[in-house]
N, C-alpha and C. Protein backbone atom coordinates (compact mmCIF):
# COMPACT_ATOMS: atom_id res chain seq x y z
N UNK A 1 150.02 23.61 -29.91
CA UNK A 1 148.78 22.94 -30.24
C UNK A 1 148.85 21.46 -29.93
N UNK A 2 150.03 20.87 -30.17
CA UNK A 2 150.19 19.44 -29.93
C UNK A 2 150.10 19.13 -28.44
N UNK A 3 150.61 20.03 -27.60
CA UNK A 3 150.55 19.77 -26.16
C UNK A 3 149.11 19.84 -25.66
N UNK A 4 148.32 20.74 -26.22
CA UNK A 4 146.92 20.83 -25.81
C UNK A 4 146.18 19.56 -26.17
N UNK A 5 146.42 19.04 -27.37
CA UNK A 5 145.76 17.81 -27.80
C UNK A 5 146.21 16.64 -26.94
N UNK A 6 147.50 16.60 -26.61
CA UNK A 6 148.00 15.51 -25.77
C UNK A 6 147.39 15.57 -24.39
N UNK A 7 147.24 16.77 -23.85
CA UNK A 7 146.63 16.90 -22.52
C UNK A 7 145.16 16.53 -22.57
N UNK A 8 144.47 16.90 -23.64
CA UNK A 8 143.06 16.57 -23.78
C UNK A 8 142.89 15.07 -23.91
N UNK A 9 143.75 14.43 -24.69
CA UNK A 9 143.65 12.99 -24.86
C UNK A 9 143.99 12.25 -23.57
N UNK A 10 144.89 12.81 -22.78
CA UNK A 10 145.26 12.12 -21.54
C UNK A 10 144.11 12.09 -20.55
N UNK A 11 143.16 13.00 -20.67
CA UNK A 11 142.00 12.97 -19.79
C UNK A 11 141.11 11.77 -20.06
N UNK A 12 141.10 11.32 -21.32
CA UNK A 12 140.23 10.21 -21.69
C UNK A 12 140.97 8.88 -21.75
N UNK A 13 142.24 8.87 -21.45
CA UNK A 13 142.98 7.62 -21.47
C UNK A 13 142.64 6.79 -20.24
N UNK A 14 142.91 5.49 -20.28
CA UNK A 14 142.57 4.64 -19.13
C UNK A 14 143.29 5.06 -17.86
N UNK A 15 144.49 5.57 -17.98
CA UNK A 15 145.24 6.04 -16.82
C UNK A 15 145.57 7.51 -17.03
N UNK A 16 144.68 8.42 -16.65
CA UNK A 16 144.98 9.85 -16.85
C UNK A 16 146.17 10.27 -16.00
N UNK A 17 146.91 11.23 -16.51
CA UNK A 17 148.12 11.70 -15.85
C UNK A 17 147.80 12.98 -15.08
N UNK A 18 147.29 12.83 -13.85
CA UNK A 18 146.99 13.97 -13.00
C UNK A 18 148.08 14.10 -11.95
N UNK A 19 148.48 15.31 -11.63
CA UNK A 19 149.44 15.46 -10.52
C UNK A 19 148.74 15.07 -9.22
N UNK A 20 149.41 14.27 -8.43
CA UNK A 20 148.82 13.80 -7.18
C UNK A 20 149.56 14.38 -6.00
N UNK A 21 148.80 14.63 -4.97
CA UNK A 21 149.39 15.09 -3.72
C UNK A 21 149.61 13.89 -2.83
N UNK A 22 150.58 13.99 -1.98
CA UNK A 22 150.78 12.90 -1.03
C UNK A 22 149.67 12.93 0.01
N UNK A 23 149.45 11.80 0.65
CA UNK A 23 148.39 11.73 1.66
C UNK A 23 148.66 12.69 2.81
N UNK A 24 149.91 12.92 3.09
CA UNK A 24 150.24 13.82 4.19
C UNK A 24 149.76 15.24 3.89
N UNK A 25 149.93 15.73 2.67
CA UNK A 25 149.49 17.09 2.36
C UNK A 25 147.98 17.17 2.23
N UNK A 26 147.33 16.08 1.78
CA UNK A 26 145.88 16.11 1.66
C UNK A 26 145.23 16.17 3.03
N UNK A 27 145.68 15.33 3.95
CA UNK A 27 145.03 15.24 5.24
C UNK A 27 145.63 16.14 6.31
N UNK A 28 146.71 16.85 5.98
CA UNK A 28 147.31 17.72 7.00
C UNK A 28 146.39 18.88 7.33
N UNK A 29 145.57 19.30 6.36
CA UNK A 29 144.65 20.40 6.65
C UNK A 29 143.49 19.96 7.51
N UNK A 30 143.23 18.65 7.60
CA UNK A 30 142.12 18.16 8.41
C UNK A 30 142.48 17.99 9.87
N UNK A 31 143.76 17.92 10.17
CA UNK A 31 144.15 17.73 11.56
C UNK A 31 143.98 19.03 12.33
N UNK A 32 143.64 18.94 13.61
CA UNK A 32 143.44 20.16 14.39
C UNK A 32 144.76 20.89 14.58
N UNK A 33 144.71 22.21 14.71
CA UNK A 33 145.95 22.95 14.92
C UNK A 33 146.52 22.63 16.30
N UNK A 34 147.82 22.81 16.46
CA UNK A 34 148.41 22.53 17.76
C UNK A 34 147.86 23.48 18.82
N UNK A 35 147.85 23.01 20.05
CA UNK A 35 147.34 23.83 21.15
C UNK A 35 148.24 25.05 21.34
N UNK A 36 147.64 26.21 21.54
CA UNK A 36 148.45 27.42 21.68
C UNK A 36 149.20 27.43 23.01
N UNK A 37 150.41 27.94 22.94
CA UNK A 37 151.20 28.11 24.16
C UNK A 37 151.13 29.57 24.57
N UNK A 38 151.63 29.86 25.76
CA UNK A 38 151.61 31.24 26.24
C UNK A 38 152.43 32.14 25.34
N UNK A 39 153.55 31.63 24.83
CA UNK A 39 154.41 32.44 23.96
C UNK A 39 153.70 32.76 22.64
N UNK A 40 152.99 31.77 22.06
CA UNK A 40 152.30 32.05 20.80
C UNK A 40 151.11 32.97 21.01
N UNK A 41 150.44 32.87 22.14
CA UNK A 41 149.31 33.76 22.41
C UNK A 41 149.76 35.20 22.60
N UNK A 42 150.96 35.38 23.19
CA UNK A 42 151.46 36.73 23.41
C UNK A 42 151.91 37.38 22.11
N UNK A 43 152.33 36.59 21.12
CA UNK A 43 152.80 37.17 19.87
C UNK A 43 151.70 37.29 18.83
N UNK A 44 150.54 36.65 19.05
CA UNK A 44 149.45 36.73 18.09
C UNK A 44 148.75 38.08 18.18
N UNK A 45 148.23 38.56 17.05
CA UNK A 45 147.42 39.79 17.10
C UNK A 45 146.15 39.56 17.91
N UNK A 46 145.58 40.65 18.37
CA UNK A 46 144.38 40.57 19.20
C UNK A 46 143.24 39.90 18.45
N UNK A 47 143.13 40.14 17.14
CA UNK A 47 142.01 39.57 16.38
C UNK A 47 142.08 38.05 16.34
N UNK A 48 143.30 37.48 16.30
CA UNK A 48 143.40 36.02 16.32
C UNK A 48 143.03 35.48 17.69
N UNK A 49 143.39 36.18 18.76
CA UNK A 49 143.01 35.73 20.09
C UNK A 49 141.50 35.76 20.24
N UNK A 50 140.88 36.84 19.75
CA UNK A 50 139.42 36.94 19.83
C UNK A 50 138.76 35.88 18.97
N UNK A 51 139.36 35.59 17.83
CA UNK A 51 138.79 34.58 16.95
C UNK A 51 138.75 33.22 17.61
N UNK A 52 139.74 32.93 18.42
CA UNK A 52 139.81 31.62 19.05
C UNK A 52 138.91 31.52 20.27
N UNK A 53 138.95 32.52 21.11
CA UNK A 53 138.24 32.44 22.39
C UNK A 53 136.97 33.28 22.43
N UNK A 54 136.91 34.31 21.62
CA UNK A 54 135.77 35.22 21.67
C UNK A 54 134.48 34.64 21.13
N UNK A 55 134.59 33.76 20.13
CA UNK A 55 133.39 33.19 19.53
C UNK A 55 132.64 32.35 20.55
N UNK A 56 133.37 31.55 21.31
CA UNK A 56 132.73 30.70 22.31
C UNK A 56 132.08 31.55 23.39
N UNK A 57 132.76 32.59 23.84
CA UNK A 57 132.19 33.47 24.85
C UNK A 57 130.98 34.22 24.34
N UNK A 58 131.05 34.68 23.09
CA UNK A 58 129.92 35.40 22.51
C UNK A 58 128.71 34.50 22.37
N UNK A 59 128.92 33.28 21.90
CA UNK A 59 127.80 32.34 21.78
C UNK A 59 127.23 31.98 23.14
N UNK A 60 128.09 31.78 24.12
CA UNK A 60 127.61 31.46 25.46
C UNK A 60 126.81 32.59 26.07
N UNK A 61 127.27 33.81 25.89
CA UNK A 61 126.53 34.95 26.43
C UNK A 61 125.19 35.12 25.72
N UNK A 62 125.18 34.90 24.42
CA UNK A 62 123.92 35.01 23.67
C UNK A 62 122.92 33.96 24.10
N UNK A 63 123.39 32.72 24.29
CA UNK A 63 122.48 31.66 24.75
C UNK A 63 121.97 31.93 26.15
N UNK A 64 122.84 32.42 27.02
CA UNK A 64 122.41 32.71 28.39
C UNK A 64 121.37 33.82 28.42
N UNK A 65 121.57 34.85 27.61
CA UNK A 65 120.62 35.95 27.60
C UNK A 65 119.28 35.56 26.99
N UNK A 66 119.31 34.72 25.97
CA UNK A 66 118.04 34.35 25.34
C UNK A 66 117.32 33.25 26.09
N UNK A 67 118.02 32.49 26.91
CA UNK A 67 117.38 31.40 27.64
C UNK A 67 116.84 31.83 28.99
N UNK A 68 117.09 33.07 29.40
CA UNK A 68 116.57 33.54 30.67
C UNK A 68 115.05 33.55 30.66
N UNK A 69 114.45 33.22 31.77
CA UNK A 69 112.99 33.19 31.86
C UNK A 69 112.36 34.57 31.73
N UNK A 70 112.78 35.57 32.50
CA UNK A 70 112.12 36.88 32.36
C UNK A 70 112.45 37.49 31.00
N UNK A 71 111.44 38.04 30.38
CA UNK A 71 111.64 38.61 29.05
C UNK A 71 112.06 40.07 29.10
N UNK A 72 111.91 40.72 30.24
CA UNK A 72 112.35 42.11 30.35
C UNK A 72 112.99 42.33 31.71
N UNK A 73 113.72 43.43 31.81
CA UNK A 73 114.43 43.71 33.06
C UNK A 73 113.48 43.97 34.21
N UNK A 74 112.28 44.44 33.94
CA UNK A 74 111.32 44.74 35.01
C UNK A 74 110.85 43.47 35.70
N UNK A 75 110.93 42.32 35.02
CA UNK A 75 110.48 41.07 35.61
C UNK A 75 111.54 40.39 36.46
N UNK A 76 112.78 40.87 36.41
CA UNK A 76 113.82 40.28 37.23
C UNK A 76 113.56 40.60 38.70
N UNK A 77 113.81 39.65 39.61
CA UNK A 77 113.46 39.88 41.01
C UNK A 77 114.24 41.02 41.66
N UNK A 78 115.49 41.21 41.30
CA UNK A 78 116.29 42.26 41.92
C UNK A 78 115.90 43.65 41.42
N UNK A 79 115.32 43.70 40.24
CA UNK A 79 114.98 44.99 39.65
C UNK A 79 113.46 45.19 39.62
N UNK A 80 112.76 44.63 40.58
CA UNK A 80 111.30 44.71 40.60
C UNK A 80 110.79 46.13 40.70
N UNK A 81 111.55 47.01 41.33
CA UNK A 81 111.10 48.38 41.47
C UNK A 81 111.28 49.19 40.19
N UNK A 82 111.98 48.65 39.20
CA UNK A 82 112.20 49.34 37.94
C UNK A 82 110.93 49.25 37.09
N UNK A 83 110.47 50.38 36.64
CA UNK A 83 109.29 50.35 35.78
C UNK A 83 109.70 50.73 34.37
N UNK A 84 109.39 49.86 33.44
CA UNK A 84 109.71 50.10 32.04
C UNK A 84 108.44 50.44 31.29
N UNK A 85 108.56 51.26 30.27
CA UNK A 85 107.37 51.54 29.46
C UNK A 85 106.99 50.31 28.62
N UNK A 86 105.83 50.36 28.04
CA UNK A 86 105.33 49.23 27.26
C UNK A 86 106.17 48.99 26.00
N UNK A 87 106.87 50.01 25.52
CA UNK A 87 107.65 49.85 24.29
C UNK A 87 109.10 49.44 24.56
N UNK A 88 109.41 49.00 25.77
CA UNK A 88 110.78 48.58 26.09
C UNK A 88 111.09 47.26 25.37
N UNK A 89 112.34 47.11 24.97
CA UNK A 89 112.75 45.88 24.31
C UNK A 89 112.97 44.78 25.33
N UNK A 90 112.67 43.55 24.95
CA UNK A 90 112.89 42.41 25.83
C UNK A 90 114.38 42.05 25.82
N UNK A 91 114.80 41.23 26.77
CA UNK A 91 116.21 40.83 26.83
C UNK A 91 116.64 40.04 25.60
N UNK A 92 115.84 39.10 25.09
CA UNK A 92 116.26 38.43 23.85
C UNK A 92 116.41 39.40 22.68
N UNK A 93 115.55 40.40 22.61
CA UNK A 93 115.67 41.38 21.53
C UNK A 93 116.93 42.20 21.69
N UNK A 94 117.27 42.56 22.94
CA UNK A 94 118.53 43.27 23.18
C UNK A 94 119.72 42.39 22.81
N UNK A 95 119.62 41.10 23.13
CA UNK A 95 120.72 40.19 22.78
C UNK A 95 120.93 40.16 21.27
N UNK A 96 119.84 40.17 20.52
CA UNK A 96 119.96 40.17 19.06
C UNK A 96 120.56 41.49 18.57
N UNK A 97 120.11 42.61 19.13
CA UNK A 97 120.65 43.92 18.72
C UNK A 97 122.15 43.99 18.99
N UNK A 98 122.55 43.65 20.20
CA UNK A 98 123.97 43.77 20.58
C UNK A 98 124.82 42.78 19.79
N UNK A 99 124.35 41.54 19.65
CA UNK A 99 125.15 40.56 18.91
C UNK A 99 125.27 40.93 17.44
N UNK A 100 124.26 41.57 16.88
CA UNK A 100 124.35 42.01 15.48
C UNK A 100 125.42 43.08 15.32
N UNK A 101 125.50 44.00 16.26
CA UNK A 101 126.53 45.04 16.20
C UNK A 101 127.91 44.42 16.36
N UNK A 102 128.05 43.47 17.29
CA UNK A 102 129.34 42.81 17.50
C UNK A 102 129.73 42.02 16.25
N UNK A 103 128.78 41.33 15.64
CA UNK A 103 129.06 40.59 14.41
C UNK A 103 129.49 41.52 13.29
N UNK A 104 128.87 42.69 13.19
CA UNK A 104 129.22 43.64 12.14
C UNK A 104 130.64 44.15 12.33
N UNK A 105 131.00 44.43 13.58
CA UNK A 105 132.37 44.88 13.86
C UNK A 105 133.36 43.77 13.53
N UNK A 106 133.03 42.53 13.88
CA UNK A 106 133.90 41.40 13.57
C UNK A 106 134.04 41.23 12.05
N UNK A 107 132.95 41.40 11.32
CA UNK A 107 133.01 41.30 9.86
C UNK A 107 133.90 42.38 9.28
N UNK A 108 133.80 43.59 9.82
CA UNK A 108 134.67 44.67 9.35
C UNK A 108 136.14 44.33 9.58
N UNK A 109 136.44 43.79 10.75
CA UNK A 109 137.82 43.42 11.06
C UNK A 109 138.31 42.30 10.15
N UNK A 110 137.46 41.32 9.88
CA UNK A 110 137.86 40.21 9.01
C UNK A 110 138.07 40.67 7.57
N UNK A 111 137.22 41.55 7.08
CA UNK A 111 137.39 42.08 5.73
C UNK A 111 138.69 42.87 5.64
N UNK A 112 138.98 43.66 6.65
CA UNK A 112 140.22 44.44 6.67
C UNK A 112 141.43 43.50 6.67
N UNK A 113 141.38 42.46 7.50
CA UNK A 113 142.48 41.50 7.54
C UNK A 113 142.67 40.81 6.20
N UNK A 114 141.57 40.45 5.56
CA UNK A 114 141.67 39.81 4.25
C UNK A 114 142.36 40.74 3.26
N UNK A 115 142.00 42.02 3.30
CA UNK A 115 142.63 42.98 2.41
C UNK A 115 144.13 43.11 2.66
N UNK A 116 144.53 43.06 3.92
CA UNK A 116 145.96 43.16 4.25
C UNK A 116 146.71 41.91 3.84
N UNK A 117 146.18 40.75 4.19
CA UNK A 117 146.93 39.51 3.99
C UNK A 117 146.92 39.03 2.54
N UNK A 118 145.85 39.30 1.82
CA UNK A 118 145.77 38.82 0.43
C UNK A 118 146.44 39.78 -0.55
N UNK A 119 146.65 41.01 -0.14
CA UNK A 119 147.22 41.99 -1.05
C UNK A 119 146.18 42.70 -1.90
N UNK A 120 144.91 42.37 -1.74
CA UNK A 120 143.84 43.05 -2.45
C UNK A 120 143.42 44.26 -1.62
N UNK A 121 144.05 45.39 -1.88
CA UNK A 121 143.80 46.59 -1.08
C UNK A 121 142.37 47.11 -1.22
N UNK A 122 141.69 46.75 -2.30
CA UNK A 122 140.32 47.24 -2.49
C UNK A 122 139.37 46.66 -1.44
N UNK A 123 139.74 45.54 -0.82
CA UNK A 123 138.89 44.98 0.24
C UNK A 123 138.89 45.86 1.48
N UNK A 124 139.96 46.61 1.68
CA UNK A 124 139.96 47.55 2.81
C UNK A 124 138.91 48.63 2.60
N UNK A 125 138.67 49.00 1.35
CA UNK A 125 137.62 49.96 1.04
C UNK A 125 136.25 49.43 1.43
N UNK A 126 136.06 48.12 1.33
CA UNK A 126 134.79 47.54 1.76
C UNK A 126 134.62 47.70 3.26
N UNK A 127 135.70 47.52 4.02
CA UNK A 127 135.61 47.72 5.47
C UNK A 127 135.25 49.17 5.79
N UNK A 128 135.84 50.12 5.05
CA UNK A 128 135.48 51.53 5.26
C UNK A 128 134.03 51.78 4.84
N UNK A 129 133.57 51.10 3.81
CA UNK A 129 132.20 51.26 3.36
C UNK A 129 131.18 50.74 4.36
N UNK A 130 131.61 49.88 5.25
CA UNK A 130 130.72 49.32 6.27
C UNK A 130 130.53 50.26 7.46
N UNK A 131 131.37 51.27 7.59
CA UNK A 131 131.33 52.17 8.75
C UNK A 131 130.01 52.93 8.88
N UNK A 132 129.45 53.52 7.80
CA UNK A 132 128.17 54.22 7.99
C UNK A 132 127.05 53.31 8.48
N UNK A 133 127.04 52.06 8.04
CA UNK A 133 126.01 51.13 8.51
C UNK A 133 126.20 50.81 9.99
N UNK A 134 127.45 50.78 10.45
CA UNK A 134 127.69 50.60 11.87
C UNK A 134 127.18 51.80 12.65
N UNK A 135 127.37 52.99 12.11
CA UNK A 135 126.83 54.19 12.75
C UNK A 135 125.31 54.13 12.85
N UNK A 136 124.66 53.62 11.81
CA UNK A 136 123.21 53.46 11.85
C UNK A 136 122.78 52.46 12.91
N UNK A 137 123.56 51.41 13.09
CA UNK A 137 123.25 50.43 14.14
C UNK A 137 123.39 51.06 15.52
N UNK A 138 124.41 51.89 15.70
CA UNK A 138 124.56 52.58 16.99
C UNK A 138 123.40 53.54 17.24
N UNK A 139 122.92 54.19 16.19
CA UNK A 139 121.76 55.08 16.34
C UNK A 139 120.54 54.29 16.80
N UNK A 140 120.31 53.14 16.20
CA UNK A 140 119.15 52.33 16.56
C UNK A 140 119.25 51.85 18.01
N UNK A 141 120.43 51.36 18.39
CA UNK A 141 120.59 50.88 19.77
C UNK A 141 120.44 52.01 20.78
N UNK A 142 120.96 53.18 20.46
CA UNK A 142 120.83 54.33 21.36
C UNK A 142 119.38 54.73 21.52
N UNK A 143 118.64 54.76 20.43
CA UNK A 143 117.23 55.14 20.48
C UNK A 143 116.44 54.14 21.31
N UNK A 144 116.72 52.85 21.13
CA UNK A 144 116.03 51.82 21.92
C UNK A 144 116.44 51.88 23.39
N UNK A 145 117.71 52.23 23.65
CA UNK A 145 118.18 52.29 25.04
C UNK A 145 117.38 53.32 25.83
N UNK A 146 117.01 54.40 25.18
CA UNK A 146 116.22 55.44 25.84
C UNK A 146 114.72 55.27 25.58
N UNK A 147 114.31 54.01 25.42
CA UNK A 147 112.89 53.63 25.30
C UNK A 147 112.19 54.37 24.16
N UNK A 148 112.84 54.49 23.03
CA UNK A 148 112.25 55.09 21.83
C UNK A 148 111.67 56.48 22.12
N UNK A 149 112.42 57.26 22.85
CA UNK A 149 111.96 58.58 23.27
C UNK A 149 111.68 59.48 22.06
N UNK A 150 110.58 60.23 22.17
CA UNK A 150 110.21 61.15 21.09
C UNK A 150 111.22 62.28 20.95
N UNK A 151 111.90 62.61 22.03
CA UNK A 151 112.90 63.68 21.95
C UNK A 151 114.13 63.25 21.15
N UNK A 152 114.28 61.95 20.93
CA UNK A 152 115.42 61.43 20.17
C UNK A 152 115.00 60.94 18.78
N UNK A 153 113.89 61.43 18.27
CA UNK A 153 113.42 61.02 16.95
C UNK A 153 114.46 61.34 15.86
N UNK A 154 115.34 62.29 16.13
CA UNK A 154 116.37 62.64 15.16
C UNK A 154 117.27 61.44 14.89
N UNK A 155 117.40 60.54 15.86
CA UNK A 155 118.23 59.35 15.66
C UNK A 155 117.63 58.42 14.60
N UNK A 156 116.32 58.40 14.51
CA UNK A 156 115.67 57.57 13.49
C UNK A 156 116.00 58.11 12.10
N UNK A 157 115.92 59.43 11.95
CA UNK A 157 116.26 60.04 10.66
C UNK A 157 117.75 59.86 10.35
N UNK A 158 118.58 59.99 11.38
CA UNK A 158 120.02 59.80 11.18
C UNK A 158 120.32 58.35 10.79
N UNK A 159 119.64 57.40 11.43
CA UNK A 159 119.83 56.00 11.07
C UNK A 159 119.43 55.75 9.62
N UNK A 160 118.32 56.33 9.19
CA UNK A 160 117.89 56.16 7.80
C UNK A 160 118.92 56.74 6.83
N UNK A 161 119.43 57.93 7.15
CA UNK A 161 120.43 58.56 6.29
C UNK A 161 121.71 57.74 6.24
N UNK A 162 122.16 57.25 7.40
CA UNK A 162 123.37 56.43 7.43
C UNK A 162 123.18 55.12 6.69
N UNK A 163 121.97 54.57 6.70
CA UNK A 163 121.71 53.34 5.96
C UNK A 163 121.82 53.58 4.46
N UNK A 164 121.26 54.68 3.98
CA UNK A 164 121.37 55.01 2.55
C UNK A 164 122.82 55.26 2.18
N UNK A 165 123.52 56.03 2.99
CA UNK A 165 124.94 56.31 2.72
C UNK A 165 125.75 55.02 2.77
N UNK A 166 125.49 54.18 3.77
CA UNK A 166 126.22 52.92 3.90
C UNK A 166 125.97 51.97 2.74
N UNK A 167 124.72 51.88 2.29
CA UNK A 167 124.43 51.03 1.14
C UNK A 167 125.15 51.54 -0.10
N UNK A 168 125.23 52.85 -0.24
CA UNK A 168 125.93 53.44 -1.38
C UNK A 168 127.43 53.17 -1.30
N UNK A 169 128.02 53.37 -0.13
CA UNK A 169 129.47 53.13 0.01
C UNK A 169 129.80 51.65 -0.16
N UNK A 170 128.93 50.77 0.30
CA UNK A 170 129.16 49.33 0.09
C UNK A 170 129.08 48.98 -1.40
N UNK A 171 128.16 49.60 -2.11
CA UNK A 171 128.03 49.37 -3.55
C UNK A 171 129.28 49.85 -4.28
N UNK A 172 129.76 51.02 -3.92
CA UNK A 172 130.98 51.55 -4.54
C UNK A 172 132.17 50.65 -4.23
N UNK A 173 132.27 50.21 -2.99
CA UNK A 173 133.38 49.33 -2.60
C UNK A 173 133.32 48.00 -3.35
N UNK A 174 132.12 47.45 -3.51
CA UNK A 174 131.98 46.19 -4.25
C UNK A 174 132.37 46.39 -5.72
N UNK A 175 132.01 47.53 -6.29
CA UNK A 175 132.40 47.83 -7.66
C UNK A 175 133.92 47.95 -7.78
N UNK A 176 134.55 48.59 -6.80
CA UNK A 176 136.01 48.71 -6.82
C UNK A 176 136.69 47.35 -6.71
N UNK A 177 136.12 46.45 -5.89
CA UNK A 177 136.67 45.10 -5.79
C UNK A 177 136.54 44.39 -7.13
N UNK A 178 135.39 44.54 -7.77
CA UNK A 178 135.18 43.92 -9.09
C UNK A 178 136.19 44.45 -10.11
N UNK A 179 136.37 45.76 -10.13
CA UNK A 179 137.30 46.35 -11.09
C UNK A 179 138.74 45.93 -10.83
N UNK A 180 139.11 45.82 -9.56
CA UNK A 180 140.49 45.39 -9.27
C UNK A 180 140.69 43.92 -9.61
N UNK A 181 139.65 43.11 -9.50
CA UNK A 181 139.80 41.70 -9.88
C UNK A 181 139.86 41.55 -11.39
N UNK A 182 139.25 42.46 -12.13
CA UNK A 182 139.34 42.44 -13.59
C UNK A 182 140.74 42.80 -14.06
N UNK A 183 141.43 43.68 -13.31
CA UNK A 183 142.76 44.13 -13.70
C UNK A 183 143.82 43.07 -13.44
N UNK A 184 143.58 42.19 -12.51
CA UNK A 184 144.57 41.16 -12.18
C UNK A 184 144.68 40.15 -13.31
N UNK A 185 145.84 39.54 -13.46
CA UNK A 185 145.99 38.51 -14.50
C UNK A 185 145.05 37.33 -14.23
N UNK A 186 144.56 36.74 -15.29
CA UNK A 186 143.59 35.65 -15.17
C UNK A 186 144.25 34.34 -14.73
N UNK A 187 145.57 34.21 -14.84
CA UNK A 187 146.22 32.94 -14.54
C UNK A 187 146.54 32.76 -13.06
N UNK A 188 146.16 33.70 -12.21
CA UNK A 188 146.42 33.54 -10.78
C UNK A 188 145.41 32.64 -10.24
């Protein structure tokens, strides 16, 4: 009890006794990481390589696709003979669809990595819970790829079912993460 009172009083004293970090440890996290060498790139996992170089390429491809003048493939000069139906998606809309799927896959990989590196195995369950929603995204892209064909209407129903299943599995995974965090000691 005396130590608690002493610590409480030290907060209000003219010179509080807080542990201080050296300037080197405070600002070391602000400095840029060293440039990768060929040896470090060869030993890094694929996800770290993609994290470093893939984001720039993905953003560049997205900007190039959305900044193009023609809004659909039929308007491109080389593909002038291609006739698309009125319900065809424009190139910017395709860029959004594809980039959303790529982002979802990247999120799944990052959640899985977090579960491995942090030791919280329940986070891996969240990555598994994201799989049905990825399947629904593939259904939507496939249906749009075939110009929303009536013969593929089953994909719309499958996408809806996978969305419900995916939302349920994500809810269960989030509950499992909550329960595992409750079981851990509070002093970590």
